[in-house]
Structures are given as C-alpha cells and as structure tokens.
C-alpha cells in the first residue's frame, strides 16, 4: 500500500470513528420507563424451520420506579411491577394454528422488559432506548431531581450509561 493511500485511509477511518463515537449530555430533566410484558408463545416444530406463534400478552408501563396503576405483582427483584397474567392459550387455540405433520411445544410464558429514557436539554426533548442500569440510576436520582450525566451510544441513538453529575 502506498504511503498516501495509507494516510488517506487512516484519515477516513478517524473521521468515521469521531462521527460515530459516544458523547455525553448533562440534564436534570429526565424520566425513565420500563415496559414489562408477559406473552404466551408456542413453538410449532416443522422441518426445516420451526416457528413461534404468540398468543395473548399483557403490558404495564413502569415510570421512574413508582408503582403504576394496574400493577398486580411487584416490585420484583429488579424493582419492576407487572400486570396480570394473560390467559393461557387453550389446547383448541394451539391446535387451530397447527399444520399437518407439525409437533407443538407446551405454551411458554415469556417475560420481557423494554427500557427507555426521555431527557431534555434546553427546549429539546429526546426519547431513546436504554438498559436496566440506566433505568435504576434514574429511579434513584428522580425523587431529588439530581442532575445526571448521560453517555449516549454510537450515533447517539441509545443511552448506555447514567451517572450523577458532579
């Protein structure tokens, strides 16, 4: 590789890295949510490609760690509240979706959580996906509105970390 090609390639790579690197934002306007979901699903086993069918689901939006209206269980060991269980699919419902020659698994209850954070800087408000650790930092800081320093992910499309600002 020629020296000029190497220098050009290095410059392009450094520019791309700089544009897509993480950044931080400090804010005292924030709110974190955790959408808890129960979903019944069944696996239909058919060679060569098994597939999953989902049945009933229930959802509950947790906001800043406070008990939401409609909570049936919780807080769990992660501080989350959950809605009532959705109805388990009946044998008839499972069989209705079954094709000839397919084997069927037992209904399985999935628990999932989708974390988001909304924050403001000046007149700008942004809602981004996040993780459990960020959600918990917001829950701890929210009652006192302690300013947080948020570390945004690559391209600024997620919040990867939250720490109390100095």
C-alpha atoms as a PDB file:
ATOM      1  CA  UNK A   1       0.000   0.000   0.000  1.00  0.00           C
ATOM      2  CA  UNK A   2       1.326   3.405  -0.912  1.00  0.00           C
ATOM      3  CA  UNK A   3       2.014   5.862   1.888  1.00  0.00           C
ATOM      4  CA  UNK A   4      -0.523   8.378   0.513  1.00  0.00           C
ATOM      5  CA  UNK A   5      -3.219   5.661   0.325  1.00  0.00           C
ATOM      6  CA  UNK A   6      -2.471   4.628   3.896  1.00  0.00           C
ATOM      7  CA  UNK A   7      -2.694   8.232   5.132  1.00  0.00           C
ATOM      8  CA  UNK A   8      -5.984   8.758   3.253  1.00  0.00           C
ATOM      9  CA  UNK A   9      -7.439   5.531   4.651  1.00  0.00           C
ATOM     10  CA  UNK A  10      -6.345   6.447   8.174  1.00  0.00           C
ATOM     11  CA  UNK A  11      -7.935   9.915   7.844  1.00  0.00           C
ATOM     12  CA  UNK A  12     -11.222   8.393   6.650  1.00  0.00           C
ATOM     13  CA  UNK A  13     -11.231   5.867   9.497  1.00  0.00           C
ATOM     14  CA  UNK A  14     -10.505   8.526  12.125  1.00  0.00           C
ATOM     15  CA  UNK A  15     -13.248  10.759  10.744  1.00  0.00           C
ATOM     16  CA  UNK A  16     -15.742   7.892  10.824  1.00  0.00           C
ATOM     17  CA  UNK A  17     -14.727   6.999  14.360  1.00  0.00           C
ATOM     18  CA  UNK A  18     -15.083  10.603  15.509  1.00  0.00           C
ATOM     19  CA  UNK A  19     -18.530  10.960  13.931  1.00  0.00           C
ATOM     20  CA  UNK A  20     -19.824   7.746  15.453  1.00  0.00           C
ATOM     21  CA  UNK A  21     -18.188   7.911  18.888  1.00  0.00           C
ATOM     22  CA  UNK A  22     -20.046   8.249  22.153  1.00  0.00           C
ATOM     23  CA  UNK A  23     -20.959  11.622  23.618  1.00  0.00           C
ATOM     24  CA  UNK A  24     -22.303  12.823  26.951  1.00  0.00           C
ATOM     25  CA  UNK A  25     -25.206  15.039  27.939  1.00  0.00           C
ATOM     26  CA  UNK A  26     -25.901  16.527  31.370  1.00  0.00           C
ATOM     27  CA  UNK A  27     -29.540  17.076  32.285  1.00  0.00           C
ATOM     28  CA  UNK A  28     -31.855  17.491  35.257  1.00  0.00           C
ATOM     29  CA  UNK A  29     -34.951  16.850  33.096  1.00  0.00           C
ATOM     30  CA  UNK A  30     -35.404  13.118  32.684  1.00  0.00           C
ATOM     31  CA  UNK A  31     -37.815  10.242  33.026  1.00  0.00           C
ATOM     32  CA  UNK A  32     -37.213   6.509  32.630  1.00  0.00           C
ATOM     33  CA  UNK A  33     -39.769   3.892  31.670  1.00  0.00           C
ATOM     34  CA  UNK A  34     -39.741   0.114  31.712  1.00  0.00           C
ATOM     35  CA  UNK A  35     -42.481  -1.597  29.714  1.00  0.00           C
ATOM     36  CA  UNK A  36     -42.997  -5.021  31.301  1.00  0.00           C
ATOM     37  CA  UNK A  37     -44.667  -7.635  29.116  1.00  0.00           C
ATOM     38  CA  UNK A  38     -45.987 -11.150  29.635  1.00  0.00           C
ATOM     39  CA  UNK A  39     -46.555 -13.088  26.397  1.00  0.00           C
ATOM     40  CA  UNK A  40     -47.682 -16.652  25.815  1.00  0.00           C
ATOM     41  CA  UNK A  41     -45.993 -18.363  22.879  1.00  0.00           C
ATOM     42  CA  UNK A  42     -45.933 -21.838  21.368  1.00  0.00           C
ATOM     43  CA  UNK A  43     -43.283 -23.360  19.133  1.00  0.00           C
ATOM     44  CA  UNK A  44     -44.575 -25.186  16.072  1.00  0.00           C
ATOM     45  CA  UNK A  45     -41.869 -27.617  15.003  1.00  0.00           C
ATOM     46  CA  UNK A  46     -41.807 -28.180  11.276  1.00  0.00           C
ATOM     47  CA  UNK A  47     -38.714 -29.286   9.372  1.00  0.00           C
ATOM     48  CA  UNK A  48     -36.649 -27.463   8.280  1.00  0.00           C
ATOM     49  CA  UNK A  49     -37.737 -24.285  10.050  1.00  0.00           C
ATOM     50  CA  UNK A  50     -39.579 -24.244  13.383  1.00  0.00           C
ATOM     51  CA  UNK A  51     -41.642 -21.156  14.103  1.00  0.00           C
ATOM     52  CA  UNK A  52     -43.069 -19.446  17.147  1.00  0.00           C
ATOM     53  CA  UNK A  53     -46.643 -18.251  17.401  1.00  0.00           C
ATOM     54  CA  UNK A  54     -47.556 -15.648  20.009  1.00  0.00           C
ATOM     55  CA  UNK A  55     -50.876 -15.641  21.764  1.00  0.00           C
ATOM     56  CA  UNK A  56     -52.128 -13.244  24.444  1.00  0.00           C
ATOM     57  CA  UNK A  57     -49.940 -10.525  26.012  1.00  0.00           C
ATOM     58  CA  UNK A  58     -50.313  -8.048  28.847  1.00  0.00           C
ATOM     59  CA  UNK A  59     -48.269  -4.877  29.353  1.00  0.00           C
ATOM     60  CA  UNK A  60     -47.557  -2.453  32.176  1.00  0.00           C
ATOM     61  CA  UNK A  61     -45.601   0.795  31.918  1.00  0.00           C
ATOM     62  CA  UNK A  62     -43.332   1.449  34.918  1.00  0.00           C
ATOM     63  CA  UNK A  63     -42.302   5.094  35.244  1.00  0.00           C
ATOM     64  CA  UNK A  64     -39.361   6.193  37.425  1.00  0.00           C
ATOM     65  CA  UNK A  65     -39.754   3.183  39.729  1.00  0.00           C
ATOM     66  CA  UNK A  66     -43.169   4.252  41.024  1.00  0.00           C
ATOM     67  CA  UNK A  67     -45.975   1.714  41.347  1.00  0.00           C
ATOM     68  CA  UNK A  68     -48.138   2.066  38.228  1.00  0.00           C
ATOM     69  CA  UNK A  69     -51.898   1.878  38.214  1.00  0.00           C
ATOM     70  CA  UNK A  70     -52.941  -1.655  37.286  1.00  0.00           C
ATOM     71  CA  UNK A  71     -49.913  -3.345  38.860  1.00  0.00           C
ATOM     72  CA  UNK A  72     -50.778  -6.838  40.065  1.00  0.00           C
ATOM     73  CA  UNK A  73     -47.375  -8.136  41.150  1.00  0.00           C
ATOM     74  CA  UNK A  74     -44.181  -6.466  42.220  1.00  0.00           C
ATOM     75  CA  UNK A  75     -41.937  -4.932  42.782  1.00  0.00           C
ATOM     76  CA  UNK A  76     -39.811  -7.899  41.731  1.00  0.00           C
ATOM     77  CA  UNK A  77     -36.101  -8.352  42.462  1.00  0.00           C
ATOM     78  CA  UNK A  78     -35.312  -5.689  39.822  1.00  0.00           C
ATOM     79  CA  UNK A  79     -37.810  -3.168  41.205  1.00  0.00           C
ATOM     80  CA  UNK A  80     -40.338  -3.708  38.392  1.00  0.00           C
ATOM     81  CA  UNK A  81     -44.104  -4.032  38.539  1.00  0.00           C
ATOM     82  CA  UNK A  82     -46.113  -6.443  36.349  1.00  0.00           C
ATOM     83  CA  UNK A  83     -49.663  -6.642  35.016  1.00  0.00           C
ATOM     84  CA  UNK A  84     -51.948  -9.638  35.477  1.00  0.00           C
ATOM     85  CA  UNK A  85     -51.018 -12.749  33.536  1.00  0.00           C
ATOM     86  CA  UNK A  86     -52.671 -13.012  30.123  1.00  0.00           C
ATOM     87  CA  UNK A  87     -54.940 -16.014  29.605  1.00  0.00           C
ATOM     88  CA  UNK A  88     -53.007 -19.177  28.754  1.00  0.00           C
ATOM     89  CA  UNK A  89     -53.831 -20.452  25.249  1.00  0.00           C
ATOM     90  CA  UNK A  90     -56.209 -23.398  25.307  1.00  0.00           C
ATOM     91  CA  UNK A  91     -55.488 -26.716  23.616  1.00  0.00           C
ATOM     92  CA  UNK A  92     -58.074 -25.775  20.979  1.00  0.00           C
ATOM     93  CA  UNK A  93     -56.374 -22.444  20.224  1.00  0.00           C
ATOM     94  CA  UNK A  94     -52.989 -24.155  19.901  1.00  0.00           C
ATOM     95  CA  UNK A  95     -54.385 -26.901  17.652  1.00  0.00           C
ATOM     96  CA  UNK A  96     -56.217 -24.353  15.484  1.00  0.00           C
ATOM     97  CA  UNK A  97     -52.859 -22.897  14.362  1.00  0.00           C
ATOM     98  CA  UNK A  98     -51.178 -26.284  13.953  1.00  0.00           C
ATOM     99  CA  UNK A  99     -50.480 -27.549  10.429  1.00  0.00           C
ATOM    100  CA  UNK A 100     -50.440 -31.239   9.470  1.00  0.00           C
ATOM    101  CA  UNK A 101     -47.221 -33.036  10.484  1.00  0.00           C
ATOM    102  CA  UNK A 102     -46.214 -30.282  12.947  1.00  0.00           C
ATOM    103  CA  UNK A 103     -45.201 -31.033  16.506  1.00  0.00           C
ATOM    104  CA  UNK A 104     -46.188 -28.482  19.137  1.00  0.00           C
ATOM    105  CA  UNK A 105     -44.405 -27.378  22.307  1.00  0.00           C
ATOM    106  CA  UNK A 106     -46.117 -26.580  25.582  1.00  0.00           C
ATOM    107  CA  UNK A 107     -47.188 -22.931  25.893  1.00  0.00           C
ATOM    108  CA  UNK A 108     -44.342 -20.868  27.310  1.00  0.00           C
ATOM    109  CA  UNK A 109     -44.780 -17.635  29.272  1.00  0.00           C
ATOM    110  CA  UNK A 110     -42.199 -15.003  28.271  1.00  0.00           C
ATOM    111  CA  UNK A 111     -41.304 -12.016  30.443  1.00  0.00           C
ATOM    112  CA  UNK A 112     -39.688  -9.108  28.625  1.00  0.00           C
ATOM    113  CA  UNK A 113     -38.787  -5.540  29.559  1.00  0.00           C
ATOM    114  CA  UNK A 114     -38.245  -2.598  27.183  1.00  0.00           C
ATOM    115  CA  UNK A 115     -36.353   0.308  28.782  1.00  0.00           C
ATOM    116  CA  UNK A 116     -36.477   3.910  27.522  1.00  0.00           C
ATOM    117  CA  UNK A 117     -35.316   7.269  28.825  1.00  0.00           C
ATOM    118  CA  UNK A 118     -36.677  10.687  27.919  1.00  0.00           C
ATOM    119  CA  UNK A 119     -34.457  13.638  28.689  1.00  0.00           C
ATOM    120  CA  UNK A 120     -34.409  17.320  27.951  1.00  0.00           C
ATOM    121  CA  UNK A 121     -31.657  19.808  27.228  1.00  0.00           C
ATOM    122  CA  UNK A 122     -32.966  23.324  26.732  1.00  0.00           C
ATOM    123  CA  UNK A 123     -36.108  23.108  24.594  1.00  0.00           C
ATOM    124  CA  UNK A 124     -35.052  19.784  23.025  1.00  0.00           C
ATOM    125  CA  UNK A 125     -36.574  16.521  24.309  1.00  0.00           C
ATOM    126  CA  UNK A 126     -35.316  13.117  23.241  1.00  0.00           C
ATOM    127  CA  UNK A 127     -36.578   9.585  23.942  1.00  0.00           C
ATOM    128  CA  UNK A 128     -34.063   6.779  23.439  1.00  0.00           C
ATOM    129  CA  UNK A 129     -33.800   3.082  24.247  1.00  0.00           C
ATOM    130  CA  UNK A 130     -31.664   2.239  27.249  1.00  0.00           C
ATOM    131  CA  UNK A 131     -30.888  -0.590  29.660  1.00  0.00           C
ATOM    132  CA  UNK A 132     -31.663  -1.731  33.193  1.00  0.00           C
ATOM    133  CA  UNK A 133     -28.642   0.031  34.762  1.00  0.00           C
ATOM    134  CA  UNK A 134     -29.652   3.431  33.344  1.00  0.00           C
ATOM    135  CA  UNK A 135     -33.268   2.857  34.440  1.00  0.00           C
ATOM    136  CA  UNK A 136     -32.094   2.163  38.021  1.00  0.00           C
ATOM    137  CA  UNK A 137     -29.884   5.280  38.096  1.00  0.00           C
ATOM    138  CA  UNK A 138     -32.860   7.404  37.063  1.00  0.00           C
ATOM    139  CA  UNK A 139     -35.064   5.718  39.703  1.00  0.00           C
ATOM    140  CA  UNK A 140     -32.520   6.622  42.404  1.00  0.00           C
ATOM    141  CA  UNK A 141     -31.963  10.208  41.192  1.00  0.00           C
ATOM    142  CA  UNK A 142     -35.540  11.096  40.195  1.00  0.00           C
ATOM    143  CA  UNK A 143     -37.069  11.929  43.619  1.00  0.00           C
ATOM    144  CA  UNK A 144     -34.402  14.617  44.232  1.00  0.00           C
ATOM    145  CA  UNK A 145     -34.032  15.567  40.541  1.00  0.00           C
ATOM    146  CA  UNK A 146     -30.278  15.132  40.855  1.00  0.00           C
ATOM    147  CA  UNK A 147     -28.644  16.127  37.527  1.00  0.00           C
ATOM    148  CA  UNK A 148     -27.438  13.150  35.521  1.00  0.00           C
ATOM    149  CA  UNK A 149     -24.655  12.798  33.001  1.00  0.00           C
ATOM    150  CA  UNK A 150     -25.906  10.506  30.238  1.00  0.00           C
ATOM    151  CA  UNK A 151     -23.486   8.655  27.970  1.00  0.00           C
ATOM    152  CA  UNK A 152     -25.000   8.230  24.533  1.00  0.00           C
ATOM    153  CA  UNK A 153     -24.172   5.229  22.392  1.00  0.00           C
ATOM    154  CA  UNK A 154     -22.671   5.218  18.937  1.00  0.00           C
ATOM    155  CA  UNK A 155     -24.527   7.674  16.679  1.00  0.00           C
ATOM    156  CA  UNK A 156     -26.441   8.990  19.718  1.00  0.00           C
ATOM    157  CA  UNK A 157     -29.304   6.529  19.277  1.00  0.00           C
ATOM    158  CA  UNK A 158     -29.170   4.898  22.740  1.00  0.00           C
ATOM    159  CA  UNK A 159     -28.298   5.878  26.300  1.00  0.00           C
ATOM    160  CA  UNK A 160     -25.634   3.468  27.538  1.00  0.00           C
ATOM    161  CA  UNK A 161     -24.858   4.911  30.976  1.00  0.00           C
ATOM    162  CA  UNK A 162     -26.192   7.378  33.548  1.00  0.00           C
ATOM    163  CA  UNK A 163     -24.223   8.820  36.450  1.00  0.00           C
ATOM    164  CA  UNK A 164     -24.943  11.551  38.950  1.00  0.00           C
ATOM    165  CA  UNK A 165     -23.334  14.739  37.626  1.00  0.00           C
ATOM    166  CA  UNK A 166     -20.716  16.445  39.767  1.00  0.00           C
END
